[in-house]
Amino acid sequence: MSSNKVVLITGASSGIGLDIAEKLQLDGYEVFGTSRKGAQPNTNYSFKMVELDVTKDGSVATAVAEVMKNAGKIDVLINNAGVGISWAAAEESSIEQSKFIFDTNLFGVMRMTQAVLPHMREQGSGRIINIGSISGIVPVAFGAIYSASKHALEAYTEALDHEVRNQGIRVSVIDPHLIKTPMFSKDLEPDRPLSIYSETRKRLATSMEKQLESAEETSVVTDTVLYSLQQTAPHIRYTPGRAKRFAYFRYYAPSAIFDRVIQKFLDG
């Protein structure tokens, strides 16, 4: 069994997940990252890479078993794997596409959590950190399905933390604002676009390109993960960087003002 803290992190081949995995490895953790393709011949990660598709029960079971076989324990699970969608009105995604987004962003987290919890419970300790989004707190128009999946993750995280806290396990969610990652270039396109929304979608896409130029770095999330792991009494929810003021505005601004701000943004 490893003498270091063992971390299993999903979606670690690029972006936020890769940065977290590399920083934790440098910080002395034994890190097992995952991606759907696993370790590739031309890649050189500083941590161990495991093949995993969070949408498949068998793949989840195999990956967790592999980590347990190699390390003998899992101290930290970081659920980072996720999928986004380009600007799309709620009715522009079919039910099948919506199911796929939820299957990754919510049910994938649930699969991983259910696979890891028995091992954490047996050892009497553990940390689970879910990478959410400010969109889960401040729902984004023309991002309804993605926001809904992240909003559900908020509720799941909070309820789960209360359920397992007396077993020595804590659960947190980290909700960043816009982060510079390759994720946006891989976003899904709506699978049934409607012409009535086309102009708004184009305008929002152009706005997003400009916002990405000044988006925050992945370190905003990574530093929060490291900080959280150092706390004996971690928070259930963290809103790092610019996300903090958006969350504050959502919680404390009068609903009428919040409504007008959203409509002004959509009207351009």
C-alpha atoms as a PDB file:
ATOM      1  CA  MET A   1       0.000   0.000   0.000  1.00  0.00           C
ATOM      2  CA  SER A   2       1.262   3.446  -0.903  1.00  0.00           C
ATOM      3  CA  SER A   3       2.581   5.593   1.963  1.00  0.00           C
ATOM      4  CA  ASN A   4       1.537   8.761   0.125  1.00  0.00           C
ATOM      5  CA  LYS A   5      -1.981  10.060  -0.322  1.00  0.00           C
ATOM      6  CA  VAL A   6      -3.469   8.431  -3.417  1.00  0.00           C
ATOM      7  CA  VAL A   7      -5.524  10.584  -5.793  1.00  0.00           C
ATOM      8  CA  LEU A   8      -7.766   9.384  -8.616  1.00  0.00           C
ATOM      9  CA  ILE A   9      -8.760  12.175 -11.006  1.00  0.00           C
ATOM     10  CA  THR A  10     -11.003  11.841 -14.030  1.00  0.00           C
ATOM     11  CA  GLY A  11     -10.483  13.785 -17.250  1.00  0.00           C
ATOM     12  CA  ALA A  12      -6.772  14.378 -16.646  1.00  0.00           C
ATOM     13  CA  SER A  13      -5.434  14.397 -20.206  1.00  0.00           C
ATOM     14  CA  SER A  14      -5.738  18.167 -20.698  1.00  0.00           C
ATOM     15  CA  GLY A  15      -6.950  21.452 -19.237  1.00  0.00           C
ATOM     16  CA  ILE A  16      -7.985  21.704 -15.607  1.00  0.00           C
ATOM     17  CA  GLY A  17      -7.629  17.987 -14.949  1.00  0.00           C
ATOM     18  CA  LEU A  18      -4.075  17.829 -16.293  1.00  0.00           C
ATOM     19  CA  ASP A  19      -3.007  20.865 -14.269  1.00  0.00           C
ATOM     20  CA  ILE A  20      -4.489  19.439 -11.067  1.00  0.00           C
ATOM     21  CA  ALA A  21      -2.855  16.049 -11.653  1.00  0.00           C
ATOM     22  CA  GLU A  22       0.587  17.527 -12.309  1.00  0.00           C
ATOM     23  CA  LYS A  23       0.468  19.912  -9.338  1.00  0.00           C
ATOM     24  CA  LEU A  24      -0.697  17.200  -6.922  1.00  0.00           C
ATOM     25  CA  GLN A  25       2.021  14.853  -8.166  1.00  0.00           C
ATOM     26  CA  LEU A  26       4.606  17.584  -7.510  1.00  0.00           C
ATOM     27  CA  ASP A  27       3.085  18.164  -4.078  1.00  0.00           C
ATOM     28  CA  GLY A  28       3.815  14.571  -3.039  1.00  0.00           C
ATOM     29  CA  TYR A  29       0.557  12.814  -3.845  1.00  0.00           C
ATOM     30  CA  GLU A  30       0.499   9.563  -5.806  1.00  0.00           C
ATOM     31  CA  VAL A  31      -1.731  10.488  -8.738  1.00  0.00           C
ATOM     32  CA  PHE A  32      -3.702   8.276 -11.072  1.00  0.00           C
ATOM     33  CA  GLY A  33      -5.160  10.328 -13.896  1.00  0.00           C
ATOM     34  CA  THR A  34      -7.718   9.030 -16.342  1.00  0.00           C
ATOM     35  CA  SER A  35      -8.812   9.581 -19.917  1.00  0.00           C
ATOM     36  CA  ARG A  36     -10.970   7.659 -22.333  1.00  0.00           C
ATOM     37  CA  LYS A  37      -7.878   6.612 -24.318  1.00  0.00           C
ATOM     38  CA  GLY A  38      -5.623   5.906 -21.342  1.00  0.00           C
ATOM     39  CA  ALA A  39      -1.849   6.220 -21.659  1.00  0.00           C
ATOM     40  CA  GLN A  40      -0.763   6.838 -25.252  1.00  0.00           C
ATOM     41  CA  PRO A  41       2.654   5.943 -26.786  1.00  0.00           C
ATOM     42  CA  ASN A  42       3.557   9.567 -27.601  1.00  0.00           C
ATOM     43  CA  THR A  43       2.502  11.094 -24.299  1.00  0.00           C
ATOM     44  CA  ASN A  44       4.673  11.554 -21.233  1.00  0.00           C
ATOM     45  CA  TYR A  45       2.680  12.319 -18.095  1.00  0.00           C
ATOM     46  CA  SER A  46       4.310  12.859 -14.711  1.00  0.00           C
ATOM     47  CA  PHE A  47       1.634  10.635 -13.169  1.00  0.00           C
ATOM     48  CA  LYS A  48       0.070   7.266 -13.955  1.00  0.00           C
ATOM     49  CA  MET A  49      -2.660   7.345 -16.616  1.00  0.00           C
ATOM     50  CA  VAL A  50      -5.570   4.901 -16.557  1.00  0.00           C
ATOM     51  CA  GLU A  51      -8.158   4.273 -19.259  1.00  0.00           C
ATOM     52  CA  LEU A  52     -11.643   5.284 -18.154  1.00  0.00           C
ATOM     53  CA  ASP A  53     -14.983   6.229 -19.664  1.00  0.00           C
ATOM     54  CA  VAL A  54     -17.167   7.620 -16.859  1.00  0.00           C
ATOM     55  CA  THR A  55     -20.333   6.861 -18.854  1.00  0.00           C
ATOM     56  CA  LYS A  56     -19.719   3.090 -18.716  1.00  0.00           C
ATOM     57  CA  ASP A  57     -20.222   1.057 -15.534  1.00  0.00           C
ATOM     58  CA  GLY A  58     -17.685  -1.592 -16.547  1.00  0.00           C
ATOM     59  CA  SER A  59     -15.003   0.947 -17.360  1.00  0.00           C
ATOM     60  CA  VAL A  60     -15.484   2.646 -13.980  1.00  0.00           C
ATOM     61  CA  ALA A  61     -15.234  -0.659 -12.099  1.00  0.00           C
ATOM     62  CA  THR A  62     -12.095  -1.686 -14.020  1.00  0.00           C
ATOM     63  CA  ALA A  63     -10.330   1.657 -13.471  1.00  0.00           C
ATOM     64  CA  VAL A  64     -11.048   1.750  -9.738  1.00  0.00           C
ATOM     65  CA  ALA A  65      -9.915  -1.890  -9.397  1.00  0.00           C
ATOM     66  CA  GLU A  66      -6.673  -1.047 -11.210  1.00  0.00           C
ATOM     67  CA  VAL A  67      -5.906   1.812  -8.825  1.00  0.00           C
ATOM     68  CA  MET A  68      -6.706  -0.340  -5.799  1.00  0.00           C
ATOM     69  CA  LYS A  69      -4.479  -3.128  -7.119  1.00  0.00           C
ATOM     70  CA  ASN A  70      -1.546  -0.751  -7.667  1.00  0.00           C
ATOM     71  CA  ALA A  71      -1.902   1.576  -4.670  1.00  0.00           C
ATOM     72  CA  GLY A  72      -4.079  -0.337  -2.213  1.00  0.00           C
ATOM     73  CA  LYS A  73      -6.232   2.675  -1.386  1.00  0.00           C
ATOM     74  CA  ILE A  74      -7.882   5.809  -2.752  1.00  0.00           C
ATOM     75  CA  ASP A  75      -7.658   8.826  -0.460  1.00  0.00           C
ATOM     76  CA  VAL A  76      -8.984  11.448  -2.861  1.00  0.00           C
ATOM     77  CA  LEU A  77     -11.376  11.250  -5.797  1.00  0.00           C
ATOM     78  CA  ILE A  78     -11.523  14.308  -8.055  1.00  0.00           C
ATOM     79  CA  ASN A  79     -14.421  14.186 -10.495  1.00  0.00           C
ATOM     80  CA  ASN A  80     -13.275  16.488 -13.266  1.00  0.00           C
ATOM     81  CA  ALA A  81     -14.414  14.779 -16.486  1.00  0.00           C
ATOM     82  CA  GLY A  82     -17.167  16.727 -18.176  1.00  0.00           C
ATOM     83  CA  VAL A  83     -18.671  17.778 -21.457  1.00  0.00           C
ATOM     84  CA  GLY A  84     -19.933  21.170 -22.594  1.00  0.00           C
ATOM     85  CA  ILE A  85     -22.177  22.394 -25.358  1.00  0.00           C
ATOM     86  CA  SER A  86     -21.833  25.442 -27.586  1.00  0.00           C
ATOM     87  CA  TRP A  87     -24.439  28.161 -27.210  1.00  0.00           C
ATOM     88  CA  ALA A  88     -27.745  26.337 -27.630  1.00  0.00           C
ATOM     89  CA  ALA A  89     -31.277  27.164 -26.629  1.00  0.00           C
ATOM     90  CA  ALA A  90     -32.914  24.586 -24.399  1.00  0.00           C
ATOM     91  CA  GLU A  91     -35.079  23.197 -27.203  1.00  0.00           C
ATOM     92  CA  GLU A  92     -32.140  22.889 -29.597  1.00  0.00           C
ATOM     93  CA  SER A  93     -30.799  19.792 -27.825  1.00  0.00           C
ATOM     94  CA  SER A  94     -32.642  16.528 -28.299  1.00  0.00           C
ATOM     95  CA  ILE A  95     -33.463  14.399 -25.297  1.00  0.00           C
ATOM     96  CA  GLU A  96     -30.712  12.004 -26.418  1.00  0.00           C
ATOM     97  CA  GLN A  97     -28.118  14.773 -26.481  1.00  0.00           C
ATOM     98  CA  SER A  98     -29.324  16.030 -23.110  1.00  0.00           C
ATOM     99  CA  LYS A  99     -29.013  12.517 -21.686  1.00  0.00           C
ATOM    100  CA  PHE A 100     -25.423  12.316 -22.932  1.00  0.00           C
ATOM    101  CA  ILE A 101     -24.514  15.585 -21.202  1.00  0.00           C
ATOM    102  CA  PHE A 102     -26.088  14.444 -17.948  1.00  0.00           C
ATOM    103  CA  ASP A 103     -24.523  10.995 -18.290  1.00  0.00           C
ATOM    104  CA  THR A 104     -21.062  12.574 -18.231  1.00  0.00           C
ATOM    105  CA  ASN A 105     -21.500  15.601 -15.978  1.00  0.00           C
ATOM    106  CA  LEU A 106     -23.756  14.050 -13.329  1.00  0.00           C
ATOM    107  CA  PHE A 107     -24.147  10.290 -13.666  1.00  0.00           C
ATOM    108  CA  GLY A 108     -20.430   9.924 -14.386  1.00  0.00           C
ATOM    109  CA  VAL A 109     -19.736  11.586 -11.031  1.00  0.00           C
ATOM    110  CA  MET A 110     -22.255   9.285  -9.382  1.00  0.00           C
ATOM    111  CA  ARG A 111     -20.696   6.164 -10.937  1.00  0.00           C
ATOM    112  CA  MET A 112     -17.232   7.134  -9.752  1.00  0.00           C
ATOM    113  CA  THR A 113     -18.457   8.087  -6.294  1.00  0.00           C
ATOM    114  CA  GLN A 114     -20.381   4.849  -5.802  1.00  0.00           C
ATOM    115  CA  ALA A 115     -17.349   2.833  -6.914  1.00  0.00           C
ATOM    116  CA  VAL A 116     -14.939   4.610  -4.570  1.00  0.00           C
ATOM    117  CA  LEU A 117     -17.043   5.164  -1.440  1.00  0.00           C
ATOM    118  CA  PRO A 118     -16.845   1.546  -0.154  1.00  0.00           C
ATOM    119  CA  HIS A 119     -13.029   1.736  -0.180  1.00  0.00           C
ATOM    120  CA  MET A 120     -12.994   5.094   1.592  1.00  0.00           C
ATOM    121  CA  ARG A 121     -15.510   3.855   4.149  1.00  0.00           C
ATOM    122  CA  GLU A 122     -13.375   0.787   4.857  1.00  0.00           C
ATOM    123  CA  GLN A 123     -10.308   2.927   5.512  1.00  0.00           C
ATOM    124  CA  GLY A 124     -12.383   5.428   7.527  1.00  0.00           C
ATOM    125  CA  SER A 125     -11.390   8.506   5.567  1.00  0.00           C
ATOM    126  CA  GLY A 126     -11.561  10.124   2.167  1.00  0.00           C
ATOM    127  CA  ARG A 127     -12.111  13.282   0.156  1.00  0.00           C
ATOM    128  CA  ILE A 128     -14.264  13.696  -2.927  1.00  0.00           C
ATOM    129  CA  ILE A 129     -13.970  16.903  -4.930  1.00  0.00           C
ATOM    130  CA  ASN A 130     -16.340  17.585  -7.803  1.00  0.00           C
ATOM    131  CA  ILE A 131     -15.391  20.170 -10.408  1.00  0.00           C
ATOM    132  CA  GLY A 132     -18.588  22.068 -11.095  1.00  0.00           C
ATOM    133  CA  SER A 133     -19.170  25.447 -12.713  1.00  0.00           C
ATOM    134  CA  ILE A 134     -20.509  28.860 -11.811  1.00  0.00           C
ATOM    135  CA  SER A 135     -23.218  27.916 -14.343  1.00  0.00           C
ATOM    136  CA  GLY A 136     -24.528  25.528 -11.718  1.00  0.00           C
ATOM    137  CA  ILE A 137     -25.168  28.509  -9.436  1.00  0.00           C
ATOM    138  CA  VAL A 138     -25.964  31.153 -12.053  1.00  0.00           C
ATOM    139  CA  PRO A 139     -27.863  29.320 -14.824  1.00  0.00           C
ATOM    140  CA  VAL A 140     -26.828  30.546 -18.259  1.00  0.00           C
ATOM    141  CA  ALA A 141     -29.405  31.266 -20.937  1.00  0.00           C
ATOM    142  CA  PHE A 142     -28.507  29.375 -24.122  1.00  0.00           C
ATOM    143  CA  GLY A 143     -26.678  26.946 -21.882  1.00  0.00           C
ATOM    144  CA  ALA A 144     -29.703  25.418 -20.168  1.00  0.00           C
ATOM    145  CA  ILE A 145     -28.765  21.744 -20.456  1.00  0.00           C
ATOM    146  CA  TYR A 146     -25.179  22.251 -19.299  1.00  0.00           C
ATOM    147  CA  SER A 147     -26.328  24.525 -16.471  1.00  0.00           C
ATOM    148  CA  ALA A 148     -28.949  21.994 -15.422  1.00  0.00           C
ATOM    149  CA  SER A 149     -26.362  19.206 -15.227  1.00  0.00           C
ATOM    150  CA  LYS A 150     -24.070  21.366 -13.083  1.00  0.00           C
ATOM    151  CA  HIS A 151     -26.955  22.599 -10.935  1.00  0.00           C
ATOM    152  CA  ALA A 152     -27.859  18.972 -10.201  1.00  0.00           C
ATOM    153  CA  LEU A 153     -24.215  18.363  -9.268  1.00  0.00           C
ATOM    154  CA  GLU A 154     -24.497  21.106  -6.647  1.00  0.00           C
ATOM    155  CA  ALA A 155     -27.424  19.356  -4.943  1.00  0.00           C
ATOM    156  CA  TYR A 156     -25.807  15.927  -5.192  1.00  0.00           C
ATOM    157  CA  THR A 157     -22.560  17.173  -3.646  1.00  0.00           C
ATOM    158  CA  GLU A 158     -24.204  18.946  -0.732  1.00  0.00           C
ATOM    159  CA  ALA A 159     -26.520  16.071   0.149  1.00  0.00           C
ATOM    160  CA  LEU A 160     -23.752  13.476  -0.164  1.00  0.00           C
ATOM    161  CA  ASP A 161     -21.404  15.418   2.094  1.00  0.00           C
ATOM    162  CA  HIS A 162     -23.971  15.361   4.899  1.00  0.00           C
ATOM    163  CA  GLU A 163     -24.610  11.646   4.375  1.00  0.00           C
ATOM    164  CA  VAL A 164     -20.989  10.469   4.608  1.00  0.00           C
ATOM    165  CA  ARG A 165     -19.445  13.045   6.926  1.00  0.00           C
ATOM    166  CA  ASN A 166     -19.807  10.804   9.981  1.00  0.00           C
ATOM    167  CA  GLN A 167     -17.896   8.089   8.090  1.00  0.00           C
ATOM    168  CA  GLY A 168     -14.777  10.243   7.883  1.00  0.00           C
ATOM    169  CA  ILE A 169     -15.450  11.308   4.288  1.00  0.00           C
ATOM    170  CA  ARG A 170     -15.943  14.867   3.072  1.00  0.00           C
ATOM    171  CA  VAL A 171     -17.342  16.035  -0.262  1.00  0.00           C
ATOM    172  CA  SER A 172     -16.860  19.436  -1.915  1.00  0.00           C
ATOM    173  CA  VAL A 173     -17.669  21.118  -5.213  1.00  0.00           C
ATOM    174  CA  ILE A 174     -15.497  23.769  -6.865  1.00  0.00           C
ATOM    175  CA  ASP A 175     -17.368  26.185  -9.145  1.00  0.00           C
ATOM    176  CA  PRO A 176     -15.022  28.254 -11.329  1.00  0.00           C
ATOM    177  CA  HIS A 177     -15.950  30.961 -13.794  1.00  0.00           C
ATOM    178  CA  LEU A 178     -14.529  30.991 -17.336  1.00  0.00           C
ATOM    179  CA  ILE A 179     -11.201  29.113 -17.496  1.00  0.00           C
ATOM    180  CA  LYS A 180      -8.747  28.921 -20.403  1.00  0.00           C
ATOM    181  CA  THR A 181      -8.931  25.269 -21.432  1.00  0.00           C
ATOM    182  CA  PRO A 182      -9.276  23.244 -24.654  1.00  0.00           C
ATOM    183  CA  MET A 183     -12.770  22.245 -23.494  1.00  0.00           C
ATOM    184  CA  PHE A 184     -14.502  24.998 -25.449  1.00  0.00           C
ATOM    185  CA  SER A 185     -13.015  23.810 -28.750  1.00  0.00           C
ATOM    186  CA  LYS A 186     -14.499  20.377 -28.037  1.00  0.00           C
ATOM    187  CA  ASP A 187     -17.974  21.535 -27.057  1.00  0.00           C
ATOM    188  CA  LEU A 188     -20.923  19.748 -28.614  1.00  0.00           C
ATOM    189  CA  GLU A 189     -22.989  21.526 -31.225  1.00  0.00           C
ATOM    190  CA  PRO A 190     -26.770  21.492 -30.697  1.00  0.00           C
ATOM    191  CA  ASP A 191     -28.130  18.500 -32.595  1.00  0.00           C
ATOM    192  CA  ARG A 192     -31.360  20.170 -33.707  1.00  0.00           C
ATOM    193  CA  PRO A 193     -30.611  23.898 -34.211  1.00  0.00           C
ATOM    194  CA  LEU A 194     -33.525  26.232 -34.926  1.00  0.00           C
ATOM    195  CA  SER A 195     -33.261  29.274 -37.162  1.00  0.00           C
ATOM    196  CA  ILE A 196     -35.161  31.476 -34.699  1.00  0.00           C
ATOM    197  CA  TYR A 197     -32.138  31.320 -32.355  1.00  0.00           C
ATOM    198  CA  SER A 198     -29.338  31.468 -34.939  1.00  0.00           C
ATOM    199  CA  GLU A 199     -28.529  35.194 -34.655  1.00  0.00           C
ATOM    200  CA  THR A 200     -28.410  35.108 -30.870  1.00  0.00           C
ATOM    201  CA  ARG A 201     -26.213  32.015 -30.931  1.00  0.00           C
ATOM    202  CA  LYS A 202     -23.748  33.667 -33.309  1.00  0.00           C
ATOM    203  CA  ARG A 203     -23.595  36.818 -31.204  1.00  0.00           C
ATOM    204  CA  LEU A 204     -23.036  34.864 -27.995  1.00  0.00           C
ATOM    205  CA  ALA A 205     -20.321  32.749 -29.645  1.00  0.00           C
ATOM    206  CA  THR A 206     -18.501  35.926 -30.721  1.00  0.00           C
ATOM    207  CA  SER A 207     -18.837  37.299 -27.201  1.00  0.00           C
ATOM    208  CA  MET A 208     -17.411  34.077 -25.777  1.00  0.00           C
ATOM    209  CA  GLU A 209     -14.347  34.291 -28.029  1.00  0.00           C
ATOM    210  CA  LYS A 210     -13.597  37.743 -26.647  1.00  0.00           C
ATOM    211  CA  GLN A 211     -14.169  36.627 -23.054  1.00  0.00           C
ATOM    212  CA  LEU A 212     -11.796  33.688 -23.481  1.00  0.00           C
ATOM    213  CA  GLU A 213      -8.974  36.116 -24.227  1.00  0.00           C
ATOM    214  CA  SER A 214      -9.119  37.329 -20.632  1.00  0.00           C
ATOM    215  CA  ALA A 215     -10.340  34.118 -19.010  1.00  0.00           C
ATOM    216  CA  GLU A 216      -8.664  32.878 -15.831  1.00  0.00           C
ATOM    217  CA  GLU A 217      -5.893  30.292 -15.848  1.00  0.00           C
ATOM    218  CA  THR A 218      -6.350  26.694 -14.693  1.00  0.00           C
ATOM    219  CA  SER A 219      -4.259  27.503 -11.618  1.00  0.00           C
ATOM    220  CA  VAL A 220      -7.313  29.269 -10.148  1.00  0.00           C
ATOM    221  CA  VAL A 221      -8.974  25.856  -9.837  1.00  0.00           C
ATOM    222  CA  THR A 222      -5.830  23.885  -9.005  1.00  0.00           C
ATOM    223  CA  ASP A 223      -4.875  26.197  -6.143  1.00  0.00           C
ATOM    224  CA  THR A 224      -8.373  25.820  -4.715  1.00  0.00           C
ATOM    225  CA  VAL A 225      -8.124  22.016  -4.896  1.00  0.00           C
ATOM    226  CA  LEU A 226      -4.797  22.098  -3.037  1.00  0.00           C
ATOM    227  CA  TYR A 227      -6.173  24.518  -0.450  1.00  0.00           C
ATOM    228  CA  SER A 228      -9.257  22.374   0.102  1.00  0.00           C
ATOM    229  CA  LEU A 229      -7.203  19.217   0.604  1.00  0.00           C
ATOM    230  CA  GLN A 230      -5.164  20.967   3.283  1.00  0.00           C
ATOM    231  CA  GLN A 231      -8.246  21.818   5.356  1.00  0.00           C
ATOM    232  CA  THR A 232      -9.390  19.594   8.199  1.00  0.00           C
ATOM    233  CA  ALA A 233     -12.886  21.084   7.895  1.00  0.00           C
ATOM    234  CA  PRO A 234     -13.318  21.784   4.176  1.00  0.00           C
ATOM    235  CA  HIS A 235     -16.202  23.803   2.780  1.00  0.00           C
ATOM    236  CA  ILE A 236     -18.890  22.074   0.771  1.00  0.00           C
ATOM    237  CA  ARG A 237     -18.645  24.733  -1.947  1.00  0.00           C
ATOM    238  CA  TYR A 238     -15.800  26.890  -3.272  1.00  0.00           C
ATOM    239  CA  THR A 239     -16.208  29.696  -5.824  1.00  0.00           C
ATOM    240  CA  PRO A 240     -12.647  30.668  -6.767  1.00  0.00           C
ATOM    241  CA  GLY A 241     -11.481  33.764  -8.602  1.00  0.00           C
ATOM    242  CA  ARG A 242     -14.111  35.758 -10.477  1.00  0.00           C
ATOM    243  CA  ALA A 243     -16.767  33.164  -9.706  1.00  0.00           C
ATOM    244  CA  LYS A 244     -17.033  34.537  -6.186  1.00  0.00           C
ATOM    245  CA  ARG A 245     -18.608  37.830  -7.210  1.00  0.00           C
ATOM    246  CA  PHE A 246     -21.021  36.111  -9.612  1.00  0.00           C
ATOM    247  CA  ALA A 247     -22.156  33.784  -6.829  1.00  0.00           C
ATOM    248  CA  TYR A 248     -22.513  36.718  -4.456  1.00  0.00           C
ATOM    249  CA  PHE A 249     -24.599  38.604  -7.016  1.00  0.00           C
ATOM    250  CA  ARG A 250     -26.829  35.566  -7.562  1.00  0.00           C
ATOM    251  CA  TYR A 251     -27.436  34.998  -3.866  1.00  0.00           C
ATOM    252  CA  TYR A 252     -27.889  38.584  -2.730  1.00  0.00           C
ATOM    253  CA  ALA A 253     -29.067  40.746  -5.643  1.00  0.00           C
ATOM    254  CA  PRO A 254     -32.824  41.358  -5.849  1.00  0.00           C
ATOM    255  CA  SER A 255     -34.337  38.969  -8.380  1.00  0.00           C
ATOM    256  CA  ALA A 256     -35.697  41.813 -10.533  1.00  0.00           C
ATOM    257  CA  ILE A 257     -32.221  43.318 -10.949  1.00  0.00           C
ATOM    258  CA  PHE A 258     -30.710  39.921 -11.702  1.00  0.00           C
ATOM    259  CA  ASP A 259     -33.418  39.332 -14.318  1.00  0.00           C
ATOM    260  CA  ARG A 260     -32.729  42.669 -16.044  1.00  0.00           C
ATOM    261  CA  VAL A 261     -28.994  41.984 -16.202  1.00  0.00           C
ATOM    262  CA  ILE A 262     -29.569  38.639 -17.922  1.00  0.00           C
ATOM    263  CA  GLN A 263     -31.976  40.143 -20.446  1.00  0.00           C
ATOM    264  CA  LYS A 264     -29.609  43.019 -21.221  1.00  0.00           C
ATOM    265  CA  PHE A 265     -26.836  40.511 -21.860  1.00  0.00           C
ATOM    266  CA  LEU A 266     -29.036  38.545 -24.259  1.00  0.00           C
ATOM    267  CA  ASP A 267     -30.272  41.644 -26.060  1.00  0.00           C
ATOM    268  CA  GLY A 268     -26.696  42.688 -26.728  1.00  0.00           C
END
